[in-house]
C-alpha cells in the first residue's frame, strides 16, 4: 500500500483549544497506529505545524482519515496537504 505524507497547520492558541479534544485525538491515533493506517504523526516543536505519514489506498482515503480526526473537526488543525511519498530507505 502507498504511503502519504501530510503537513498541516495548527490554530492559534493550540494548547488551550486542543485540551478538550486531546484525549479523543490521541485515542484515535492509537487505533489508527494499531490498524496500520498511521505510521507516525506529531507536531513541530513550536506547535505551528503537524507532520504525519499514513499507509492508505489513495489520497482520498488519507483525507478521510485526517478529516475524521477530532482536531480537524474542532478546528485545531486548520489546513493540510497530502503528498504521496516514495520511501527510499
Protein backbone atom coordinates (compact mmCIF):
# COMPACT_ATOMS: atom_id res chain seq x y z
CA UNK A 1 0.00 0.00 0.00
CA UNK A 2 1.34 3.51 -0.76
CA UNK A 3 2.44 5.88 1.97
CA UNK A 4 1.34 9.50 2.16
CA UNK A 5 2.95 12.45 3.92
CA UNK A 6 0.65 15.03 5.50
CA UNK A 7 1.74 18.53 6.54
CA UNK A 8 -0.76 20.81 8.22
CA UNK A 9 -1.22 23.86 10.42
CA UNK A 10 -2.48 24.29 13.93
CA UNK A 11 -4.83 27.06 15.02
CA UNK A 12 -3.74 29.98 17.19
CA UNK A 13 -3.66 29.20 20.92
CA UNK A 14 -3.46 25.50 20.14
CA UNK A 15 -2.53 24.36 23.66
CA UNK A 16 -5.69 25.82 25.17
CA UNK A 17 -8.02 24.98 22.29
CA UNK A 18 -6.90 21.36 21.92
CA UNK A 19 -7.32 20.48 25.60
CA UNK A 20 -10.98 19.35 25.46
CA UNK A 21 -10.32 17.18 22.38
CA UNK A 22 -6.81 15.90 23.08
CA UNK A 23 -7.71 12.53 24.63
CA UNK A 24 -10.14 11.65 21.81
CA UNK A 25 -7.47 12.67 19.29
CA UNK A 26 -4.79 10.53 20.99
CA UNK A 27 -7.15 7.55 21.35
CA UNK A 28 -7.96 7.74 17.64
CA UNK A 29 -4.28 7.94 16.68
CA UNK A 30 -3.60 4.87 18.82
CA UNK A 31 -6.33 2.97 16.94
CA UNK A 32 -5.01 4.09 13.54
CA UNK A 33 -1.47 3.07 14.52
CA UNK A 34 -2.68 -0.35 15.69
CA UNK A 35 -4.58 -0.90 12.44
CA UNK A 36 -1.51 0.03 10.37
CA UNK A 37 -3.12 3.09 8.78
CA UNK A 38 -0.89 5.54 10.66
CA UNK A 39 2.90 5.27 10.61
CA UNK A 40 3.66 8.39 12.65
CA UNK A 41 2.19 11.80 13.48
CA UNK A 42 3.23 14.74 15.62
CA UNK A 43 3.70 18.48 15.97
CA UNK A 44 6.71 20.63 15.26
CA UNK A 45 8.38 21.87 18.42
CA UNK A 46 6.90 25.36 18.02
CA UNK A 47 3.37 23.88 17.72
CA UNK A 48 2.61 25.63 14.44
CA UNK A 49 2.64 22.59 12.12
CA UNK A 50 1.96 18.88 12.28
CA UNK A 51 3.50 16.12 10.20
CA UNK A 52 2.22 12.63 9.61
CA UNK A 53 2.76 9.54 7.50
CA UNK A 54 -0.22 7.38 6.61
CA UNK A 55 -0.47 3.99 4.89
CA UNK A 56 -3.59 4.17 2.72
CA UNK A 57 -5.04 3.01 -0.58
CA UNK A 58 -5.12 6.50 -2.08
CA UNK A 59 -5.14 10.22 -1.31
CA UNK A 60 -8.90 10.27 -0.80
CA UNK A 61 -8.56 7.69 1.98
CA UNK A 62 -5.92 9.82 3.71
CA UNK A 63 -8.16 12.88 3.51
CA UNK A 64 -10.97 10.88 5.13
CA UNK A 65 -8.64 9.83 7.94
CA UNK A 66 -7.45 13.40 8.56
CA UNK A 67 -10.93 14.91 8.41
CA UNK A 68 -12.38 12.31 10.80
CA UNK A 69 -9.89 13.37 13.47
CA UNK A 70 -11.27 15.41 16.39
CA UNK A 71 -8.57 18.03 15.81
CA UNK A 72 -9.85 18.66 12.28
CA UNK A 73 -13.50 18.53 13.29
CA UNK A 74 -12.97 21.11 16.06
CA UNK A 75 -10.71 23.49 14.14
CA UNK A 76 -7.45 22.62 15.92
CA UNK A 77 -5.95 21.62 12.57
CA UNK A 78 -6.77 24.43 10.16
CA UNK A 79 -5.44 23.15 6.83
CA UNK A 80 -3.28 20.38 5.43
CA UNK A 81 -1.62 18.99 2.32
CA UNK A 82 -1.28 15.37 1.28
CA UNK A 83 1.54 14.08 -0.92
CA UNK A 84 2.28 10.51 -1.94
CA UNK A 85 5.68 9.53 -0.56
CA UNK A 86 8.30 7.29 -2.09
CA UNK A 87 10.12 5.67 0.79
CA UNK A 88 13.72 5.35 -0.37
CA UNK A 89 15.10 3.86 2.85
